[in-house]
Amino acid sequence: MDVFNRLESEVRSYCRSFQTVFTIANNARIWDKSGKEYIDFFAGAGALNYGHNNRRIRAKLIEYLQADGVTHSLDMATEAKETFLTRFKSFILEPRKLDYKVMFPGPTGTNSVESALKIARKATGRTNVICFTNAFHGMSLGSLAATGNAFKRKGAGVMLGGTTFMPYDRYFGPQIDTAAMMEKMLDDPGSGIDLPAAVLLETLQGEGGLNEASTEWLRRVECICRDRGILLIVDDVQMGCGRTGTFFSFEEAGINPDVVCLSKSIGGYGLPMALTLIKPAFDVWQPGEHNGTFRGNNLGFVAANEALDYWRTPELELAIASNARLMFGFLHRMASAYPQAIEEVRGKGMIQGLVFREPANAARLSKAAFKQGVILETSGPKDEVAKFMPPLTIEENVLKLGLAKIESALRELFDPVKLAGTAEARL
């Protein structure tokens, strides 16, 4: 790791937790320079839903490159983009009865969020945006202004404005309806809250600690927006492309957002790509009013085209549901086995996690898991959640092996003797 320590910026983070040099990867497994194998329960923070070096997608990329296909095109028309637009409409939007114009805002999730905020403000003529406690929407200034995490906000170096934070579903516990609270404050001329251009939310907060909004809450928020001419923006950057079980995370709730942000796994192969889906009535951009040099990533289009094939049949959704049940059962068994250490299980689909009573124990588990050969990250405002997020295409036997290694790590950390010792130390 000497080269990275000497030459790379201090801002690097994941390589501090996973201290080895990786060389090759296949689906849910990665190998380092020494040949040690790791099972990936991180999946590029959700950018690798279809696994590392997906063979089907790789074959299409190689074929395209060998044929001298266009790689960079700004927003010019290319065959690869044309294919993506028609397939996305046919395979994703039409089956779900969704009608969106597709915008290519730039290569990352924060590009999508920034464009969503801009179009909402332009379409409504208003500036304020309501966002939620523990939200994470990106690291550029507009997205960061809608992000709750104090550590990340501090990195901006300037005041962050244009947003009003409201409590997310069950922020104060199950007895307090935070949607009703938001409605009351919006309608009270004494609340000090300007009528917003948009409400921006994640249906399940990934970086915020796997907080899941209920169907009832999401529907109530949608009604609040509809009744007041407020645009509803769903940030599906991490939760989209099947992570929660369906292609869009909001499908189960039956809501119809005005704007949807997609990135990470929409690129299919871990390639930079992002979409902003906009209802036609709100697509009021002037040509070139929002642009970016790398919004025409044709390799991303090619990879995405092949990845969309996974959604032509129910096979992948069924596999996600099966793996999700396996993860759910395992995590609840672990929570029951170590109640002194684990507070609860959160999440859905193939993004689930363990919430630790002592926040530092999530990082301890991540470290112990890495020694066992599993890559596992943490999330939450205090990094108190160990987040399980393997590729959607992980083989069942590999998933089971990874979970068994996690169980070994938990046993090493929290067996009764060590727990008793920890309690005595606190006394």
Protein backbone atom coordinates (compact mmCIF):
# COMPACT_ATOMS: atom_id res chain seq x y z
CA MET A 1 0.00 0.00 0.00
CA ASP A 2 3.08 2.28 0.07
CA VAL A 3 2.41 3.84 -3.36
CA PHE A 4 -1.10 4.85 -2.37
CA ASN A 5 -0.01 6.20 1.00
CA ARG A 6 2.71 8.33 -0.60
CA LEU A 7 1.04 9.53 -3.79
CA GLU A 8 -2.72 9.54 -3.32
CA SER A 9 -4.71 12.29 -1.59
CA GLU A 10 -5.63 11.96 2.07
CA VAL A 11 -9.28 11.95 0.96
CA ARG A 12 -9.10 8.25 0.09
CA SER A 13 -11.34 6.19 2.35
CA TYR A 14 -12.31 2.64 1.34
CA CYS A 15 -8.70 1.61 0.75
CA ARG A 16 -8.01 2.44 4.40
CA SER A 17 -10.56 -0.16 5.49
CA PHE A 18 -9.66 -2.79 2.90
CA GLN A 19 -5.88 -2.72 2.94
CA THR A 20 -4.76 -4.87 0.07
CA VAL A 21 -4.14 -4.42 -3.64
CA PHE A 22 -6.84 -6.08 -5.72
CA THR A 23 -6.03 -7.53 -9.13
CA ILE A 24 -8.87 -9.55 -10.65
CA ALA A 25 -12.59 -10.06 -10.02
CA ASN A 26 -15.43 -12.25 -11.20
CA ASN A 27 -19.09 -11.76 -10.24
CA ALA A 28 -19.09 -11.66 -6.42
CA ARG A 29 -15.44 -12.61 -5.87
CA ILE A 30 -12.25 -10.53 -5.92
CA TRP A 31 -8.60 -11.61 -5.61
CA ASP A 32 -5.65 -9.58 -4.39
CA LYS A 33 -1.98 -9.63 -5.43
CA SER A 34 -1.21 -12.45 -3.04
CA GLY A 35 -3.98 -14.59 -4.52
CA LYS A 36 -6.29 -14.31 -1.51
CA GLU A 37 -9.97 -14.52 -2.42
CA TYR A 38 -12.62 -12.17 -1.06
CA ILE A 39 -16.41 -12.36 -1.33
CA ASP A 40 -17.82 -8.96 -2.25
CA PHE A 41 -20.73 -7.82 -0.08
CA PHE A 42 -20.09 -4.21 -1.16
CA ALA A 43 -20.63 -4.36 -4.94
CA GLY A 44 -19.07 -1.00 -5.70
CA ALA A 45 -21.50 0.75 -3.32
CA GLY A 46 -24.28 -0.54 -5.57
CA ALA A 47 -22.61 0.07 -8.94
CA LEU A 48 -22.07 -3.65 -9.56
CA ASN A 49 -25.54 -5.14 -9.26
CA TYR A 50 -24.69 -7.46 -12.17
CA GLY A 51 -21.36 -8.45 -10.66
CA HIS A 52 -17.72 -7.92 -11.58
CA ASN A 53 -16.82 -8.62 -15.20
CA ASN A 54 -20.26 -9.91 -16.13
CA ARG A 55 -19.49 -12.21 -19.07
CA ARG A 56 -22.59 -11.38 -21.08
CA ILE A 57 -21.99 -7.64 -20.78
CA ARG A 58 -18.23 -7.93 -21.33
CA ALA A 59 -18.76 -9.81 -24.60
CA LYS A 60 -20.91 -6.96 -25.93
CA LEU A 61 -18.34 -4.35 -24.88
CA ILE A 62 -15.47 -6.22 -26.56
CA GLU A 63 -17.54 -6.68 -29.72
CA TYR A 64 -18.37 -2.95 -29.79
CA LEU A 65 -14.76 -1.87 -29.22
CA GLN A 66 -13.39 -4.21 -31.85
CA ALA A 67 -15.88 -2.79 -34.36
CA ASP A 68 -14.59 0.76 -33.70
CA GLY A 69 -17.88 1.80 -32.12
CA VAL A 70 -18.14 5.43 -31.01
CA THR A 71 -17.03 5.79 -27.38
CA HIS A 72 -17.46 9.54 -26.73
CA SER A 73 -20.19 11.63 -28.31
CA LEU A 74 -21.28 14.42 -25.94
CA ASP A 75 -25.05 14.35 -26.54
CA MET A 76 -24.87 13.59 -30.26
CA ALA A 77 -27.01 10.80 -31.66
CA THR A 78 -25.36 7.40 -31.80
CA GLU A 79 -26.63 3.94 -32.52
CA ALA A 80 -25.69 2.77 -29.01
CA LYS A 81 -27.77 5.57 -27.44
CA GLU A 82 -30.69 4.91 -29.79
CA THR A 83 -30.70 1.25 -28.80
CA PHE A 84 -30.58 2.12 -25.12
CA LEU A 85 -33.47 4.60 -25.33
CA THR A 86 -35.73 2.17 -27.20
CA ARG A 87 -34.89 -0.80 -24.98
CA PHE A 88 -35.25 1.21 -21.76
CA LYS A 89 -38.70 2.32 -22.88
CA SER A 90 -39.73 -1.18 -23.98
CA PHE A 91 -38.26 -3.23 -21.14
CA ILE A 92 -38.54 -0.86 -18.18
CA LEU A 93 -40.94 2.05 -18.64
CA GLU A 94 -43.80 0.58 -20.68
CA PRO A 95 -44.29 -2.58 -18.56
CA ARG A 96 -44.60 -0.33 -15.50
CA LYS A 97 -46.86 2.18 -17.28
CA LEU A 98 -44.37 4.99 -16.67
CA ASP A 99 -43.94 7.94 -19.02
CA TYR A 100 -40.62 9.80 -18.75
CA LYS A 101 -38.27 11.71 -20.98
CA VAL A 102 -34.72 10.45 -20.48
CA MET A 103 -31.99 12.96 -19.70
CA PHE A 104 -28.29 12.09 -19.65
CA PRO A 105 -26.94 14.61 -17.08
CA GLY A 106 -23.36 13.39 -16.71
CA PRO A 107 -21.68 10.23 -15.46
CA THR A 108 -22.51 10.10 -11.74
CA GLY A 109 -25.37 10.02 -9.29
CA THR A 110 -24.76 13.52 -8.04
CA ASN A 111 -25.00 14.77 -11.65
CA SER A 112 -28.47 13.27 -11.79
CA VAL A 113 -29.53 14.81 -8.49
CA GLU A 114 -28.18 18.24 -9.46
CA SER A 115 -30.13 18.16 -12.72
CA ALA A 116 -33.28 17.04 -10.89
CA LEU A 117 -33.02 19.96 -8.46
CA LYS A 118 -32.45 22.40 -11.31
CA ILE A 119 -35.37 21.21 -13.42
CA ALA A 120 -37.74 21.27 -10.43
CA ARG A 121 -36.77 24.87 -9.67
CA LYS A 122 -37.02 25.87 -13.33
CA ALA A 123 -40.39 24.16 -13.87
CA THR A 124 -42.03 25.62 -10.76
CA GLY A 125 -40.28 28.98 -10.43
CA ARG A 126 -39.63 28.20 -6.77
CA THR A 127 -36.29 27.55 -5.09
CA ASN A 128 -36.77 25.70 -1.80
CA VAL A 129 -36.47 21.90 -1.75
CA ILE A 130 -37.62 19.67 1.10
CA CYS A 131 -35.30 16.81 1.95
CA PHE A 132 -35.03 14.49 4.93
CA THR A 133 -32.99 13.60 7.97
CA ASN A 134 -30.20 11.08 7.26
CA ALA A 135 -30.54 11.58 3.49
CA PHE A 136 -27.55 11.16 1.20
CA HIS A 137 -27.74 12.56 -2.34
CA GLY A 138 -24.16 13.22 -3.43
CA MET A 139 -21.05 15.29 -2.85
CA SER A 140 -21.44 18.27 -5.20
CA LEU A 141 -22.84 21.39 -3.57
CA GLY A 142 -26.51 21.14 -4.58
CA SER A 143 -26.71 17.45 -3.68
CA LEU A 144 -24.74 18.02 -0.50
CA ALA A 145 -27.20 20.73 0.55
CA ALA A 146 -29.85 17.98 0.54
CA THR A 147 -27.62 15.53 2.44
CA GLY A 148 -28.04 15.18 6.19
CA ASN A 149 -24.69 13.77 7.26
CA ALA A 150 -22.80 16.43 9.25
CA PHE A 151 -19.34 15.09 8.39
CA LYS A 152 -20.00 15.19 4.66
CA ARG A 153 -21.69 18.61 4.84
CA LYS A 154 -18.68 20.01 6.69
CA GLY A 155 -16.45 19.10 3.75
CA ALA A 156 -18.26 21.62 1.53
CA GLY A 157 -16.38 24.55 3.01
CA VAL A 158 -19.26 26.93 2.25
CA MET A 159 -22.79 27.48 3.51
CA LEU A 160 -25.27 25.02 2.04
CA GLY A 161 -28.73 26.39 1.36
CA GLY A 162 -31.87 26.14 -0.72
CA THR A 163 -33.18 23.18 1.29
CA THR A 164 -35.38 22.51 4.32
CA PHE A 165 -34.94 19.28 6.27
CA MET A 166 -37.94 17.34 7.52
CA PRO A 167 -37.95 14.17 9.67
CA TYR A 168 -37.96 10.97 7.62
CA ASP A 169 -40.54 8.25 8.24
CA ARG A 170 -40.30 6.95 11.83
CA TYR A 171 -37.50 9.37 12.68
CA PHE A 172 -39.21 9.94 16.06
CA GLY A 173 -40.46 6.36 16.30
CA PRO A 174 -43.56 4.62 14.95
CA GLN A 175 -46.04 6.70 16.94
CA ILE A 176 -45.35 10.03 15.21
CA ASP A 177 -46.57 10.60 11.65
CA THR A 178 -43.86 12.75 10.09
CA ALA A 179 -45.81 13.10 6.83
CA ALA A 180 -48.63 14.76 8.77
CA MET A 181 -46.04 16.97 10.45
CA MET A 182 -44.69 18.04 7.06
CA GLU A 183 -48.19 18.73 5.75
CA LYS A 184 -49.02 20.85 8.79
CA MET A 185 -45.86 22.92 8.40
CA LEU A 186 -46.39 23.45 4.68
CA ASP A 187 -49.91 24.74 5.27
CA ASP A 188 -49.07 26.92 8.27
CA PRO A 189 -48.18 30.47 7.14
CA GLY A 190 -46.30 30.86 10.40
CA SER A 191 -44.01 27.85 9.97
CA GLY A 192 -41.33 29.82 8.12
CA ILE A 193 -41.17 27.20 5.35
CA ASP A 194 -41.53 28.45 1.79
CA LEU A 195 -43.63 26.37 -0.59
CA PRO A 196 -40.97 24.16 -2.16
CA ALA A 197 -40.22 23.39 -5.77
CA ALA A 198 -39.76 19.73 -4.88
CA VAL A 199 -39.61 17.04 -2.25
CA LEU A 200 -36.48 14.89 -2.66
CA LEU A 201 -36.31 11.47 -1.01
CA GLU A 202 -34.90 7.97 -1.02
CA THR A 203 -37.44 5.22 -0.43
CA LEU A 204 -34.75 3.38 1.52
CA GLN A 205 -31.83 5.43 2.85
CA GLY A 206 -28.67 3.52 2.05
CA GLU A 207 -25.86 5.68 3.39
CA GLY A 208 -28.20 7.02 6.08
CA GLY A 209 -28.45 3.64 7.81
CA LEU A 210 -30.94 1.51 5.82
CA ASN A 211 -34.00 3.42 6.99
CA GLU A 212 -36.99 2.24 4.97
CA ALA A 213 -40.02 4.42 4.34
CA SER A 214 -43.36 2.65 4.63
CA THR A 215 -45.72 2.38 1.67
CA GLU A 216 -48.29 4.47 3.57
CA TRP A 217 -45.77 7.25 4.24
CA LEU A 218 -44.60 7.38 0.62
CA ARG A 219 -48.17 7.55 -0.65
CA ARG A 220 -49.00 10.30 1.84
CA VAL A 221 -45.98 12.33 0.75
CA GLU A 222 -46.97 11.89 -2.89
CA CYS A 223 -50.48 13.18 -2.13
CA ILE A 224 -49.04 16.18 -0.28
CA CYS A 225 -46.96 17.01 -3.35
CA ARG A 226 -49.83 16.53 -5.81
CA ASP A 227 -52.22 18.73 -3.82
CA ARG A 228 -49.73 21.62 -3.70
CA GLY A 229 -48.05 21.49 -7.10
CA ILE A 230 -44.76 20.25 -5.63
CA LEU A 231 -42.59 17.94 -7.73
CA LEU A 232 -41.75 14.58 -6.16
CA ILE A 233 -38.16 13.48 -6.86
CA VAL A 234 -37.06 9.94 -5.98
CA ASP A 235 -33.31 9.39 -5.72
CA ASP A 236 -32.93 5.79 -6.89
CA VAL A 237 -29.19 6.03 -7.50
CA GLN A 238 -28.31 3.22 -5.09
CA MET A 239 -31.69 1.55 -4.61
CA GLY A 240 -32.63 1.34 -8.28
CA CYS A 241 -31.78 -1.32 -10.87
CA GLY A 242 -33.18 -4.11 -8.70
CA ARG A 243 -31.42 -3.55 -5.40
CA THR A 244 -34.63 -3.62 -3.33
CA GLY A 245 -36.20 -6.41 -5.41
CA THR A 246 -37.87 -4.52 -8.26
CA PHE A 247 -36.21 -2.37 -10.92
CA PHE A 248 -37.35 0.86 -9.26
CA SER A 249 -37.44 0.94 -5.48
CA PHE A 250 -40.82 2.75 -5.46
CA GLU A 251 -42.77 0.12 -7.41
CA GLU A 252 -44.14 -1.67 -4.35
CA ALA A 253 -45.55 1.60 -3.00
CA GLY A 254 -47.32 2.29 -6.29
CA ILE A 255 -46.22 5.93 -6.43
CA ASN A 256 -45.40 7.81 -9.63
CA PRO A 257 -42.57 10.32 -9.08
CA ASP A 258 -42.25 13.38 -11.29
CA VAL A 259 -38.47 12.95 -11.51
CA VAL A 260 -36.31 9.87 -10.88
CA CYS A 261 -32.53 9.82 -10.45
CA LEU A 262 -30.61 6.73 -11.61
CA SER A 263 -26.90 5.99 -11.74
CA LYS A 264 -24.51 3.36 -10.34
CA SER A 265 -25.79 0.05 -11.81
CA ILE A 266 -27.65 1.59 -14.74
CA GLY A 267 -24.23 1.43 -16.46
CA GLY A 268 -24.35 -2.37 -16.19
CA TYR A 269 -20.64 -3.04 -15.85
CA GLY A 270 -19.57 -0.46 -13.30
CA LEU A 271 -19.16 2.10 -16.09
CA PRO A 272 -20.00 5.75 -15.35
CA MET A 273 -23.54 6.54 -16.45
CA ALA A 274 -26.53 8.39 -15.03
CA LEU A 275 -30.10 9.15 -16.04
CA THR A 276 -32.61 11.74 -14.92
CA LEU A 277 -36.14 10.65 -15.78
CA ILE A 278 -38.51 13.59 -16.15
CA LYS A 279 -42.25 13.59 -16.76
CA PRO A 280 -42.78 15.24 -20.17
CA ALA A 281 -44.78 18.15 -18.70
CA PHE A 282 -41.73 19.22 -16.67
CA ASP A 283 -39.10 18.78 -19.38
CA VAL A 284 -38.76 22.54 -19.89
CA TRP A 285 -35.02 22.72 -20.53
CA GLN A 286 -33.64 24.99 -23.22
CA PRO A 287 -31.10 23.21 -25.50
CA GLY A 288 -27.71 23.10 -23.77
CA GLU A 289 -29.04 24.59 -20.53
CA HIS A 290 -27.57 21.66 -18.62
CA ASN A 291 -24.71 19.78 -20.24
CA GLY A 292 -21.55 17.85 -19.52
CA THR A 293 -18.63 16.48 -21.50
CA PHE A 294 -19.12 12.85 -20.48
CA ARG A 295 -22.89 12.50 -20.69
CA GLY A 296 -22.49 10.52 -23.92
CA ASN A 297 -20.66 7.46 -22.56
CA ASN A 298 -21.41 4.97 -25.31
CA LEU A 299 -19.65 2.11 -23.55
CA GLY A 300 -22.13 2.74 -20.73
CA PHE A 301 -24.99 2.55 -23.23
CA VAL A 302 -23.68 -0.74 -24.64
CA ALA A 303 -23.28 -2.28 -21.19
CA ALA A 304 -26.66 -0.95 -20.06
CA ASN A 305 -28.33 -2.38 -23.15
CA GLU A 306 -27.18 -5.88 -22.27
CA ALA A 307 -27.98 -5.41 -18.55
CA LEU A 308 -31.57 -4.48 -19.44
CA ASP A 309 -31.96 -7.99 -20.83
CA TYR A 310 -32.05 -9.24 -17.24
CA TRP A 311 -35.42 -7.45 -16.88
CA ARG A 312 -37.15 -9.01 -19.89
CA THR A 313 -38.10 -12.05 -17.80
CA PRO A 314 -38.89 -12.51 -14.08
CA GLU A 315 -35.82 -14.71 -13.54
CA LEU A 316 -33.62 -12.08 -11.89
CA GLU A 317 -36.40 -10.75 -9.66
CA LEU A 318 -37.09 -14.28 -8.46
CA ALA A 319 -33.39 -14.82 -7.70
CA ILE A 320 -33.26 -11.52 -5.79
CA ALA A 321 -36.30 -12.55 -3.74
CA SER A 322 -34.74 -15.92 -2.93
CA ASN A 323 -31.41 -14.39 -1.90
CA ALA A 324 -33.20 -11.70 0.09
CA ARG A 325 -35.03 -14.36 2.11
CA LEU A 326 -31.75 -16.14 2.76
CA MET A 327 -30.12 -12.91 3.95
CA PHE A 328 -33.16 -11.97 6.04
CA GLY A 329 -33.17 -15.31 7.83
CA PHE A 330 -29.44 -15.20 8.49
CA LEU A 331 -29.43 -11.63 9.81
CA HIS A 332 -32.36 -12.25 12.15
CA ARG A 333 -30.65 -15.39 13.41
CA MET A 334 -27.52 -13.36 14.14
CA ALA A 335 -29.56 -10.65 15.89
CA SER A 336 -31.14 -13.33 18.07
CA ALA A 337 -27.77 -14.93 18.80
CA TYR A 338 -26.12 -11.65 19.85
CA PRO A 339 -28.84 -9.43 21.31
CA GLN A 340 -26.36 -7.67 23.59
CA ALA A 341 -24.48 -6.39 20.52
CA ILE A 342 -27.11 -6.18 17.77
CA GLU A 343 -30.10 -3.88 18.12
CA GLU A 344 -32.09 -4.73 14.97
CA VAL A 345 -32.09 -5.80 11.34
CA ARG A 346 -32.93 -3.27 8.61
CA GLY A 347 -33.35 -3.13 4.86
CA LYS A 348 -35.08 -5.08 2.12
CA GLY A 349 -34.24 -6.99 -1.02
CA MET A 350 -30.51 -7.43 -1.35
CA ILE A 351 -29.56 -4.45 0.79
CA GLN A 352 -29.93 -5.41 4.42
CA GLY A 353 -27.92 -4.80 7.55
CA LEU A 354 -27.25 -5.23 11.24
CA VAL A 355 -27.63 -2.22 13.53
CA PHE A 356 -25.18 -2.33 16.45
CA ARG A 357 -25.90 -0.92 19.88
CA GLU A 358 -22.31 0.32 20.08
CA PRO A 359 -21.68 2.06 16.71
CA ALA A 360 -17.97 1.15 16.69
CA ASN A 361 -18.89 -2.53 16.53
CA ALA A 362 -20.08 -2.21 12.93
CA ALA A 363 -16.56 -1.20 11.88
CA ARG A 364 -15.12 -3.97 14.05
CA LEU A 365 -17.28 -6.47 12.20
CA SER A 366 -16.19 -5.04 8.85
CA LYS A 367 -12.55 -5.45 9.87
CA ALA A 368 -13.06 -8.98 11.17
CA ALA A 369 -15.01 -9.93 8.05
CA PHE A 370 -12.21 -8.63 5.84
CA LYS A 371 -9.77 -10.92 7.64
CA GLN A 372 -12.17 -13.79 6.96
CA GLY A 373 -12.31 -12.81 3.27
CA VAL A 374 -15.51 -10.74 3.00
CA ILE A 375 -15.76 -7.09 1.95
CA LEU A 376 -18.46 -5.42 4.03
CA GLU A 377 -19.03 -1.69 4.51
CA THR A 378 -20.81 0.36 7.17
CA SER A 379 -23.44 3.09 6.98
CA GLY A 380 -25.58 5.31 9.19
CA PRO A 381 -24.97 8.69 10.86
CA LYS A 382 -22.65 7.03 13.37
CA ASP A 383 -21.53 4.20 11.05
CA GLU A 384 -23.54 1.90 13.28
CA VAL A 385 -24.91 -0.35 10.51
CA ALA A 386 -23.04 -3.22 8.86
CA LYS A 387 -24.45 -3.18 5.33
CA PHE A 388 -24.85 -6.38 3.29
CA MET A 389 -25.03 -5.51 -0.42
CA PRO A 390 -23.73 -8.32 -2.65
CA PRO A 391 -24.19 -8.35 -6.43
CA LEU A 392 -27.72 -9.37 -7.42
CA THR A 393 -26.16 -12.12 -9.55
CA ILE A 394 -24.22 -13.74 -6.71
CA GLU A 395 -24.30 -17.53 -6.80
CA GLU A 396 -26.27 -19.01 -3.91
CA ASN A 397 -23.33 -21.10 -2.70
CA VAL A 398 -21.07 -18.02 -2.69
CA LEU A 399 -23.69 -16.03 -0.77
CA LYS A 400 -23.97 -18.80 1.80
CA LEU A 401 -20.19 -19.03 2.13
CA GLY A 402 -19.96 -15.27 2.66
CA LEU A 403 -22.64 -15.37 5.33
CA ALA A 404 -20.88 -18.26 7.05
CA LYS A 405 -17.69 -16.20 7.15
CA ILE A 406 -19.64 -13.29 8.65
CA GLU A 407 -21.01 -15.64 11.29
CA SER A 408 -17.47 -16.69 12.15
CA ALA A 409 -16.47 -13.04 12.45
CA LEU A 410 -19.43 -12.32 14.73
CA ARG A 411 -18.58 -15.33 16.87
CA GLU A 412 -14.99 -14.14 17.15
CA LEU A 413 -16.11 -10.66 18.25
CA PHE A 414 -19.18 -11.33 20.34
CA ASP A 415 -19.06 -14.75 21.91
CA PRO A 416 -20.43 -14.73 25.49
CA VAL A 417 -17.00 -14.58 27.13
CA LYS A 418 -15.92 -11.52 25.16
CA LEU A 419 -19.28 -9.83 25.66
CA ALA A 420 -19.02 -10.38 29.39
CA GLY A 421 -15.51 -8.92 29.34
CA THR A 422 -16.73 -5.87 27.47
CA ALA A 423 -19.52 -5.33 30.00
CA GLU A 424 -17.10 -5.68 32.90
CA ALA A 425 -14.76 -3.17 31.28
CA ARG A 426 -17.59 -0.64 31.07
CA LEU A 427 -18.33 -1.15 34.78
